Amino acid sequence: MLQVVSGCFRLFQVVTGCFRLFQKVSDGQQTYKLNMPTIKRFEDLEIWQLARINCKQINMLIRNSKHFQNDFALVNQIKSSSGSVMDNIAEGFERGGNREFGQFLSIAKGSAGESRSQIYRAYDNEYITDNQLDEQRNSLLHMSTKIRNMKTYLNKSEIKGTKFKNSKRI
C-alpha cells in the first residue's frame, strides 16, 4: 500500500510552460515520485484553492456574527484583504511570467498577513471566539507558508514562464 510521504505535495516544477505537481509516496521500503496533473489554470493551484476556502470562511464568519454588523470598516477591510489573496494569485499566474507571478505572490502573502491582523482586531473587539481566532490564524499561516514556498521555487527556477516559451533571443 502506498502512503503519501509527510502528507504534502512536493513543490512545483515547470514543464513545457505549465506547472506540474509531483507527489512523493512510499510503500514502506521505497519512495516514488508520482506525476500529478499539469496546472494550466490558476484554479488548479493549491494555493489559490486554499485562498478561496479562506475567503469563504471569513465571509461566513462575518455573516454569522451579529457583532460585525455595525463595524463596516473592518468588514470591508477583511473581505477585501482575504479576496485580494486569491485575486493576486490568479492575476500573477495569468500574466505568464515567473518574475511577475512571484511579485503577485508577494502581494498575496502580504494580503494574507493583513487578513491575519484583521482577525486579531475582530478578536480584540470580541467579535469572534478563541477557537475562531485559532482556526483562522492557523489557516492563514498555512496559506502564507504555501505561498512563500511557491515564490521560493519560482525564484530558483531557470524557466521564465509561459509567455517566454516561444520567444527567441536576438
N, C-alpha and C. Protein backbone atom coordinates (compact mmCIF):
# COMPACT_ATOMS: atom_id res chain seq x y z
N MET A 1 0.83 -1.18 0.00
CA MET A 1 0.00 0.00 0.00
C MET A 1 0.88 1.24 0.00
N LEU A 2 0.59 2.17 -0.90
CA LEU A 2 1.36 3.41 -0.98
C LEU A 2 0.79 4.44 -0.02
N GLN A 3 1.67 5.17 0.63
CA GLN A 3 1.26 6.24 1.52
C GLN A 3 2.00 7.52 1.13
N VAL A 4 1.31 8.66 1.28
CA VAL A 4 1.92 9.94 0.96
C VAL A 4 3.01 10.23 1.99
N VAL A 5 4.20 10.59 1.52
CA VAL A 5 5.30 10.94 2.40
C VAL A 5 5.03 12.31 2.99
N SER A 6 5.02 12.42 4.27
CA SER A 6 4.80 13.65 5.03
C SER A 6 3.52 14.39 4.62
N GLY A 7 2.60 13.71 4.00
CA GLY A 7 1.27 14.22 3.75
C GLY A 7 1.16 15.48 2.92
N CYS A 8 2.12 15.76 2.09
CA CYS A 8 2.02 17.01 1.34
C CYS A 8 2.58 16.84 -0.07
N PHE A 9 2.22 17.77 -0.91
CA PHE A 9 2.79 17.81 -2.24
C PHE A 9 4.19 18.37 -2.16
N ARG A 10 5.08 17.79 -2.91
CA ARG A 10 6.39 18.39 -3.06
C ARG A 10 6.22 19.53 -4.04
N LEU A 11 7.08 20.49 -3.98
CA LEU A 11 6.86 21.73 -4.71
C LEU A 11 6.68 21.54 -6.21
N PHE A 12 6.56 22.59 -6.91
CA PHE A 12 6.15 22.62 -8.29
C PHE A 12 7.37 22.65 -9.21
N GLN A 13 7.23 22.04 -10.36
CA GLN A 13 8.27 22.08 -11.37
C GLN A 13 7.62 22.55 -12.66
N VAL A 14 8.27 23.48 -13.34
CA VAL A 14 7.70 23.98 -14.57
C VAL A 14 8.10 23.03 -15.70
N VAL A 15 7.09 22.58 -16.43
CA VAL A 15 7.30 21.66 -17.55
C VAL A 15 6.53 22.21 -18.75
N THR A 16 7.23 22.46 -19.82
CA THR A 16 6.62 22.96 -21.05
C THR A 16 5.66 24.12 -20.81
N GLY A 17 6.07 25.04 -19.97
CA GLY A 17 5.27 26.24 -19.76
C GLY A 17 4.11 26.08 -18.81
N CYS A 18 3.92 24.92 -18.22
CA CYS A 18 2.84 24.70 -17.26
C CYS A 18 3.46 24.19 -15.96
N PHE A 19 2.75 24.32 -14.89
CA PHE A 19 3.22 23.76 -13.64
C PHE A 19 2.79 22.30 -13.58
N ARG A 20 3.70 21.45 -13.16
CA ARG A 20 3.36 20.04 -12.98
C ARG A 20 3.65 19.71 -11.53
N LEU A 21 2.68 19.12 -10.87
CA LEU A 21 2.83 18.73 -9.47
C LEU A 21 3.45 17.34 -9.40
N PHE A 22 4.26 17.15 -8.39
CA PHE A 22 4.78 15.83 -8.09
C PHE A 22 4.42 15.53 -6.65
N GLN A 23 4.11 14.28 -6.38
CA GLN A 23 3.82 13.87 -5.02
C GLN A 23 4.71 12.70 -4.70
N LYS A 24 5.37 12.75 -3.57
CA LYS A 24 6.20 11.63 -3.15
C LYS A 24 5.37 10.70 -2.30
N VAL A 25 5.43 9.42 -2.65
CA VAL A 25 4.72 8.40 -1.89
C VAL A 25 5.69 7.27 -1.56
N SER A 26 5.35 6.51 -0.54
CA SER A 26 6.23 5.43 -0.10
C SER A 26 5.41 4.18 0.16
N ASP A 27 6.02 3.02 -0.17
CA ASP A 27 5.38 1.74 0.15
C ASP A 27 6.01 1.13 1.40
N GLY A 28 6.79 1.91 2.12
CA GLY A 28 7.46 1.44 3.32
C GLY A 28 8.90 1.04 3.08
N GLN A 29 9.21 0.66 1.84
CA GLN A 29 10.56 0.26 1.50
C GLN A 29 11.22 1.24 0.54
N GLN A 30 10.42 1.80 -0.33
CA GLN A 30 10.95 2.66 -1.37
C GLN A 30 10.03 3.88 -1.53
N THR A 31 10.63 5.01 -1.91
CA THR A 31 9.86 6.23 -2.16
C THR A 31 9.78 6.45 -3.66
N TYR A 32 8.59 6.81 -4.13
CA TYR A 32 8.34 7.04 -5.55
C TYR A 32 7.89 8.46 -5.75
N LYS A 33 8.19 8.99 -6.92
CA LYS A 33 7.70 10.32 -7.30
C LYS A 33 6.63 10.12 -8.35
N LEU A 34 5.39 10.53 -8.03
CA LEU A 34 4.27 10.38 -8.95
C LEU A 34 3.98 11.70 -9.64
N ASN A 35 3.75 11.64 -10.93
CA ASN A 35 3.31 12.84 -11.66
C ASN A 35 1.86 13.12 -11.30
N MET A 36 1.57 14.36 -11.04
CA MET A 36 0.22 14.80 -10.77
C MET A 36 -0.22 15.63 -11.98
N PRO A 37 -1.45 16.08 -12.02
CA PRO A 37 -1.94 16.81 -13.19
C PRO A 37 -1.13 18.08 -13.48
N THR A 38 -1.01 18.39 -14.76
CA THR A 38 -0.37 19.64 -15.17
C THR A 38 -1.31 20.80 -14.84
N ILE A 39 -0.73 21.86 -14.35
CA ILE A 39 -1.54 23.03 -13.98
C ILE A 39 -1.51 24.02 -15.13
N LYS A 40 -2.67 24.20 -15.73
CA LYS A 40 -2.78 25.13 -16.85
C LYS A 40 -3.64 26.33 -16.50
N ARG A 41 -4.37 26.25 -15.39
CA ARG A 41 -5.25 27.34 -14.96
C ARG A 41 -4.97 27.64 -13.49
N PHE A 42 -5.16 28.90 -13.11
CA PHE A 42 -4.91 29.25 -11.72
C PHE A 42 -5.82 28.48 -10.76
N GLU A 43 -6.99 28.07 -11.24
CA GLU A 43 -7.92 27.33 -10.39
C GLU A 43 -7.35 25.98 -9.95
N ASP A 44 -6.35 25.49 -10.65
CA ASP A 44 -5.72 24.22 -10.31
C ASP A 44 -4.66 24.35 -9.23
N LEU A 45 -4.24 25.57 -8.95
CA LEU A 45 -3.19 25.80 -7.95
C LEU A 45 -3.73 25.57 -6.54
N GLU A 46 -3.03 24.78 -5.77
CA GLU A 46 -3.44 24.52 -4.39
C GLU A 46 -3.48 25.82 -3.58
N ILE A 47 -2.54 26.74 -3.82
CA ILE A 47 -2.53 27.98 -3.05
C ILE A 47 -3.76 28.84 -3.36
N TRP A 48 -4.21 28.82 -4.60
CA TRP A 48 -5.43 29.58 -4.94
C TRP A 48 -6.64 28.92 -4.29
N GLN A 49 -6.69 27.60 -4.31
CA GLN A 49 -7.80 26.89 -3.69
C GLN A 49 -7.87 27.16 -2.19
N LEU A 50 -6.70 27.17 -1.53
CA LEU A 50 -6.66 27.49 -0.10
C LEU A 50 -7.12 28.92 0.15
N ALA A 51 -6.70 29.85 -0.70
CA ALA A 51 -7.10 31.25 -0.55
C ALA A 51 -8.61 31.40 -0.72
N ARG A 52 -9.17 30.67 -1.65
CA ARG A 52 -10.62 30.72 -1.88
C ARG A 52 -11.37 30.19 -0.66
N ILE A 53 -10.93 29.07 -0.13
CA ILE A 53 -11.56 28.49 1.05
C ILE A 53 -11.48 29.47 2.22
N ASN A 54 -10.30 30.07 2.40
CA ASN A 54 -10.14 31.01 3.50
C ASN A 54 -11.05 32.22 3.34
N CYS A 55 -11.18 32.73 2.13
CA CYS A 55 -12.05 33.86 1.86
C CYS A 55 -13.50 33.50 2.20
N LYS A 56 -13.92 32.30 1.80
CA LYS A 56 -15.28 31.84 2.10
C LYS A 56 -15.49 31.70 3.61
N GLN A 57 -14.48 31.19 4.31
CA GLN A 57 -14.59 31.02 5.76
C GLN A 57 -14.73 32.37 6.46
N ILE A 58 -13.95 33.34 6.03
CA ILE A 58 -14.04 34.67 6.63
C ILE A 58 -15.40 35.30 6.35
N ASN A 59 -15.90 35.15 5.13
CA ASN A 59 -17.23 35.69 4.81
C ASN A 59 -18.32 35.03 5.65
N MET A 60 -18.21 33.73 5.88
CA MET A 60 -19.18 33.03 6.73
C MET A 60 -19.07 33.50 8.17
N LEU A 61 -17.86 33.71 8.63
CA LEU A 61 -17.64 34.20 9.99
C LEU A 61 -18.32 35.55 10.19
N ILE A 62 -18.16 36.42 9.21
CA ILE A 62 -18.77 37.75 9.27
C ILE A 62 -20.29 37.64 9.21
N ARG A 63 -20.78 36.83 8.30
CA ARG A 63 -22.22 36.68 8.11
C ARG A 63 -22.90 36.09 9.34
N ASN A 64 -22.21 35.20 10.05
CA ASN A 64 -22.80 34.51 11.19
C ASN A 64 -22.59 35.21 12.53
N SER A 65 -21.94 36.35 12.53
CA SER A 65 -21.69 37.08 13.77
C SER A 65 -22.42 38.42 13.75
N LYS A 66 -23.30 38.60 14.72
CA LYS A 66 -24.04 39.87 14.81
C LYS A 66 -23.12 41.03 15.17
N HIS A 67 -21.97 40.73 15.77
CA HIS A 67 -21.04 41.77 16.20
C HIS A 67 -20.43 42.55 15.03
N PHE A 68 -20.27 41.89 13.91
CA PHE A 68 -19.68 42.54 12.73
C PHE A 68 -20.65 43.51 12.05
N GLN A 69 -21.92 43.38 12.31
CA GLN A 69 -22.94 44.12 11.56
C GLN A 69 -22.74 45.63 11.54
N ASN A 70 -22.23 46.20 12.60
CA ASN A 70 -22.09 47.66 12.66
C ASN A 70 -20.66 48.14 12.42
N ASP A 71 -19.74 47.23 12.25
CA ASP A 71 -18.34 47.63 12.02
C ASP A 71 -18.03 47.50 10.53
N PHE A 72 -18.60 48.42 9.76
CA PHE A 72 -18.49 48.37 8.29
C PHE A 72 -17.04 48.48 7.81
N ALA A 73 -16.25 49.29 8.50
CA ALA A 73 -14.85 49.47 8.07
C ALA A 73 -14.08 48.17 8.18
N LEU A 74 -14.19 47.49 9.32
CA LEU A 74 -13.47 46.23 9.49
C LEU A 74 -13.99 45.16 8.53
N VAL A 75 -15.29 45.09 8.36
CA VAL A 75 -15.89 44.12 7.44
C VAL A 75 -15.36 44.34 6.03
N ASN A 76 -15.36 45.58 5.57
CA ASN A 76 -14.85 45.89 4.22
C ASN A 76 -13.37 45.55 4.09
N GLN A 77 -12.58 45.88 5.11
CA GLN A 77 -11.14 45.61 5.05
C GLN A 77 -10.85 44.13 5.01
N ILE A 78 -11.48 43.37 5.87
CA ILE A 78 -11.17 41.94 5.95
C ILE A 78 -11.68 41.19 4.73
N LYS A 79 -12.84 41.60 4.21
CA LYS A 79 -13.32 40.98 2.97
C LYS A 79 -12.39 41.33 1.81
N SER A 80 -11.94 42.56 1.76
CA SER A 80 -11.06 43.00 0.69
C SER A 80 -9.71 42.27 0.75
N SER A 81 -9.10 42.20 1.93
CA SER A 81 -7.78 41.58 2.03
C SER A 81 -7.85 40.07 1.79
N SER A 82 -8.89 39.41 2.29
CA SER A 82 -8.98 37.95 2.06
C SER A 82 -9.25 37.66 0.58
N GLY A 83 -10.05 38.48 -0.07
CA GLY A 83 -10.27 38.32 -1.51
C GLY A 83 -9.04 38.66 -2.33
N SER A 84 -8.25 39.60 -1.83
CA SER A 84 -7.03 40.01 -2.52
C SER A 84 -6.02 38.88 -2.63
N VAL A 85 -6.00 37.99 -1.65
CA VAL A 85 -5.05 36.87 -1.69
C VAL A 85 -5.31 36.03 -2.93
N MET A 86 -6.55 35.59 -3.10
CA MET A 86 -6.86 34.72 -4.25
C MET A 86 -6.78 35.48 -5.56
N ASP A 87 -7.17 36.76 -5.55
CA ASP A 87 -7.13 37.57 -6.78
C ASP A 87 -5.70 37.79 -7.27
N ASN A 88 -4.77 38.04 -6.35
CA ASN A 88 -3.38 38.27 -6.76
C ASN A 88 -2.70 36.99 -7.22
N ILE A 89 -3.04 35.87 -6.63
CA ILE A 89 -2.51 34.59 -7.12
C ILE A 89 -2.99 34.37 -8.55
N ALA A 90 -4.28 34.60 -8.79
CA ALA A 90 -4.85 34.41 -10.13
C ALA A 90 -4.21 35.36 -11.14
N GLU A 91 -4.12 36.64 -10.80
CA GLU A 91 -3.57 37.61 -11.74
C GLU A 91 -2.12 37.32 -12.05
N GLY A 92 -1.35 37.00 -11.03
CA GLY A 92 0.06 36.69 -11.27
C GLY A 92 0.25 35.48 -12.16
N PHE A 93 -0.53 34.44 -11.92
CA PHE A 93 -0.43 33.23 -12.74
C PHE A 93 -0.79 33.53 -14.19
N GLU A 94 -1.85 34.31 -14.39
CA GLU A 94 -2.33 34.62 -15.74
C GLU A 94 -1.36 35.48 -16.54
N ARG A 95 -0.46 36.18 -15.89
CA ARG A 95 0.50 37.02 -16.61
C ARG A 95 1.54 36.20 -17.34
N GLY A 96 1.73 34.95 -16.95
CA GLY A 96 2.55 34.03 -17.72
C GLY A 96 4.05 34.13 -17.52
N GLY A 97 4.51 34.96 -16.61
CA GLY A 97 5.94 35.06 -16.34
C GLY A 97 6.23 34.78 -14.88
N ASN A 98 7.28 34.01 -14.62
CA ASN A 98 7.61 33.65 -13.24
C ASN A 98 7.93 34.86 -12.38
N ARG A 99 8.63 35.84 -12.94
CA ARG A 99 9.00 37.02 -12.16
C ARG A 99 7.76 37.79 -11.75
N GLU A 100 6.85 38.02 -12.70
CA GLU A 100 5.61 38.72 -12.37
C GLU A 100 4.76 37.90 -11.40
N PHE A 101 4.69 36.60 -11.62
CA PHE A 101 3.93 35.73 -10.73
C PHE A 101 4.49 35.86 -9.31
N GLY A 102 5.81 35.85 -9.20
CA GLY A 102 6.45 35.99 -7.89
C GLY A 102 6.10 37.31 -7.22
N GLN A 103 6.05 38.40 -8.00
CA GLN A 103 5.66 39.70 -7.43
C GLN A 103 4.23 39.65 -6.90
N PHE A 104 3.33 39.04 -7.66
CA PHE A 104 1.94 38.95 -7.22
C PHE A 104 1.79 38.00 -6.04
N LEU A 105 2.64 36.98 -5.96
CA LEU A 105 2.62 36.11 -4.78
C LEU A 105 3.05 36.88 -3.54
N SER A 106 4.01 37.80 -3.70
CA SER A 106 4.41 38.64 -2.56
C SER A 106 3.25 39.50 -2.08
N ILE A 107 2.51 40.05 -3.01
CA ILE A 107 1.34 40.86 -2.66
C ILE A 107 0.29 39.98 -1.98
N ALA A 108 0.07 38.78 -2.52
CA ALA A 108 -0.91 37.85 -1.94
C ALA A 108 -0.51 37.49 -0.51
N LYS A 109 0.78 37.24 -0.30
CA LYS A 109 1.26 36.89 1.04
C LYS A 109 1.07 38.07 1.99
N GLY A 110 1.30 39.29 1.50
CA GLY A 110 1.06 40.48 2.32
C GLY A 110 -0.41 40.62 2.69
N SER A 111 -1.28 40.33 1.74
CA SER A 111 -2.72 40.38 2.00
C SER A 111 -3.15 39.33 3.01
N ALA A 112 -2.49 38.17 2.98
CA ALA A 112 -2.78 37.13 3.98
C ALA A 112 -2.38 37.62 5.37
N GLY A 113 -1.24 38.31 5.44
CA GLY A 113 -0.82 38.90 6.72
C GLY A 113 -1.78 39.97 7.19
N GLU A 114 -2.25 40.78 6.25
CA GLU A 114 -3.24 41.81 6.58
C GLU A 114 -4.53 41.17 7.11
N SER A 115 -4.98 40.11 6.48
CA SER A 115 -6.18 39.40 6.94
C SER A 115 -5.96 38.85 8.35
N ARG A 116 -4.77 38.30 8.58
CA ARG A 116 -4.47 37.77 9.91
C ARG A 116 -4.51 38.86 10.97
N SER A 117 -3.97 40.03 10.65
CA SER A 117 -4.02 41.16 11.58
C SER A 117 -5.46 41.58 11.86
N GLN A 118 -6.28 41.59 10.82
CA GLN A 118 -7.68 41.98 10.99
C GLN A 118 -8.46 40.95 11.80
N ILE A 119 -8.09 39.68 11.71
CA ILE A 119 -8.70 38.65 12.54
C ILE A 119 -8.40 38.94 14.01
N TYR A 120 -7.16 39.39 14.29
CA TYR A 120 -6.82 39.77 15.67
C TYR A 120 -7.67 40.97 16.12
N ARG A 121 -7.90 41.91 15.23
CA ARG A 121 -8.75 43.05 15.58
C ARG A 121 -10.17 42.60 15.90
N ALA A 122 -10.68 41.67 15.10
CA ALA A 122 -12.02 41.13 15.36
C ALA A 122 -12.05 40.43 16.72
N TYR A 123 -11.00 39.70 17.03
CA TYR A 123 -10.91 39.02 18.32
C TYR A 123 -10.83 40.03 19.47
N ASP A 124 -9.97 41.04 19.30
CA ASP A 124 -9.80 42.06 20.34
C ASP A 124 -11.09 42.83 20.59
N ASN A 125 -11.92 42.97 19.56
CA ASN A 125 -13.22 43.64 19.70
C ASN A 125 -14.32 42.68 20.16
N GLU A 126 -13.91 41.43 20.45
CA GLU A 126 -14.81 40.38 20.94
C GLU A 126 -15.91 40.02 19.93
N TYR A 127 -15.54 40.06 18.63
CA TYR A 127 -16.46 39.66 17.57
C TYR A 127 -16.37 38.16 17.31
N ILE A 128 -15.22 37.56 17.64
CA ILE A 128 -15.01 36.13 17.40
C ILE A 128 -14.45 35.48 18.66
N THR A 129 -14.59 34.17 18.73
CA THR A 129 -14.14 33.40 19.90
C THR A 129 -12.66 33.02 19.78
N ASP A 130 -12.14 32.47 20.86
CA ASP A 130 -10.76 31.97 20.86
C ASP A 130 -10.58 30.91 19.77
N ASN A 131 -11.53 29.98 19.68
CA ASN A 131 -11.44 28.92 18.68
C ASN A 131 -11.48 29.46 17.26
N GLN A 132 -12.33 30.44 17.01
CA GLN A 132 -12.41 31.05 15.68
C GLN A 132 -11.11 31.77 15.34
N LEU A 133 -10.53 32.45 16.32
CA LEU A 133 -9.24 33.11 16.11
C LEU A 133 -8.17 32.08 15.74
N ASP A 134 -8.08 31.02 16.53
CA ASP A 134 -7.07 29.99 16.27
C ASP A 134 -7.24 29.36 14.90
N GLU A 135 -8.49 29.03 14.55
CA GLU A 135 -8.76 28.40 13.26
C GLU A 135 -8.36 29.30 12.09
N GLN A 136 -8.75 30.56 12.14
CA GLN A 136 -8.43 31.48 11.05
C GLN A 136 -6.94 31.79 11.01
N ARG A 137 -6.33 32.01 12.16
CA ARG A 137 -4.89 32.31 12.21
C ARG A 137 -4.10 31.15 11.62
N ASN A 138 -4.43 29.92 12.04
CA ASN A 138 -3.70 28.75 11.54
C ASN A 138 -3.91 28.57 10.04
N SER A 139 -5.12 28.79 9.58
CA SER A 139 -5.41 28.67 8.15
C SER A 139 -4.60 29.70 7.35
N LEU A 140 -4.58 30.92 7.84
CA LEU A 140 -3.84 31.99 7.14
C LEU A 140 -2.33 31.75 7.19
N LEU A 141 -1.82 31.26 8.31
CA LEU A 141 -0.39 30.96 8.41
C LEU A 141 0.00 29.83 7.46
N HIS A 142 -0.84 28.80 7.38
CA HIS A 142 -0.60 27.68 6.47
C HIS A 142 -0.56 28.17 5.02
N MET A 143 -1.53 29.01 4.68
CA MET A 143 -1.60 29.55 3.33
C MET A 143 -0.36 30.42 3.04
N SER A 144 0.05 31.24 3.98
CA SER A 144 1.24 32.08 3.79
C SER A 144 2.49 31.23 3.55
N THR A 145 2.60 30.13 4.27
CA THR A 145 3.73 29.22 4.09
C THR A 145 3.73 28.62 2.69
N LYS A 146 2.56 28.20 2.23
CA LYS A 146 2.45 27.62 0.88
C LYS A 146 2.79 28.67 -0.19
N ILE A 147 2.34 29.90 0.00
CA ILE A 147 2.65 30.97 -0.95
C ILE A 147 4.15 31.24 -0.96
N ARG A 148 4.76 31.30 0.23
CA ARG A 148 6.21 31.52 0.32
C ARG A 148 6.97 30.41 -0.39
N ASN A 149 6.53 29.16 -0.20
CA ASN A 149 7.20 28.03 -0.85
C ASN A 149 7.12 28.12 -2.37
N MET A 150 5.97 28.52 -2.87
CA MET A 150 5.81 28.68 -4.32
C MET A 150 6.72 29.79 -4.84
N LYS A 151 6.79 30.89 -4.11
CA LYS A 151 7.65 32.01 -4.52
C LYS A 151 9.12 31.58 -4.50
N THR A 152 9.50 30.84 -3.49
CA THR A 152 10.88 30.34 -3.40
C THR A 152 11.21 29.47 -4.60
N TYR A 153 10.29 28.60 -4.96
CA TYR A 153 10.51 27.76 -6.12
C TYR A 153 10.67 28.60 -7.39
N LEU A 154 9.77 29.56 -7.59
CA LEU A 154 9.84 30.39 -8.79
C LEU A 154 11.17 31.13 -8.88
N ASN A 155 11.67 31.60 -7.74
CA ASN A 155 12.94 32.32 -7.72
C ASN A 155 14.11 31.42 -8.13
N LYS A 156 14.01 30.13 -7.85
CA LYS A 156 15.08 29.19 -8.17
C LYS A 156 14.96 28.61 -9.58
N SER A 157 13.78 28.71 -10.17
CA SER A 157 13.52 28.10 -11.47
C SER A 157 14.29 28.82 -12.58
N GLU A 158 14.84 28.03 -13.48
CA GLU A 158 15.51 28.61 -14.65
C GLU A 158 14.52 28.93 -15.76
N ILE A 159 13.36 28.33 -15.72
CA ILE A 159 12.34 28.58 -16.73
C ILE A 159 11.63 29.88 -16.38
N LYS A 160 11.46 30.75 -17.36
CA LYS A 160 10.92 32.08 -17.11
C LYS A 160 9.41 32.14 -17.06
N GLY A 161 8.71 31.22 -17.70
CA GLY A 161 7.26 31.23 -17.71
C GLY A 161 6.71 31.01 -19.11
N THR A 162 5.39 30.87 -19.19
CA THR A 162 4.75 30.53 -20.45
C THR A 162 4.87 31.62 -21.50
N LYS A 163 4.89 32.87 -21.11
CA LYS A 163 4.96 33.92 -22.11
C LYS A 163 6.33 33.99 -22.79
N PHE A 164 7.32 33.32 -22.22
CA PHE A 164 8.65 33.29 -22.81
C PHE A 164 8.92 31.97 -23.53
N LYS A 165 7.95 31.09 -23.53
CA LYS A 165 8.10 29.74 -24.07
C LYS A 165 8.58 29.73 -25.53
N ASN A 166 7.99 30.55 -26.37
CA ASN A 166 8.33 30.56 -27.79
C ASN A 166 9.17 31.76 -28.22
N SER A 167 9.60 32.57 -27.26
CA SER A 167 10.37 33.75 -27.64
C SER A 167 11.81 33.36 -27.96
N LYS A 168 12.38 34.07 -28.92
CA LYS A 168 13.76 33.81 -29.32
C LYS A 168 14.59 35.06 -29.07
N ARG A 169 15.79 34.84 -28.60
CA ARG A 169 16.69 35.97 -28.34
C ARG A 169 17.31 36.45 -29.64
N ILE A 170 17.48 37.74 -29.73
CA ILE A 170 18.07 38.32 -30.94
C ILE A 170 19.53 38.61 -30.70
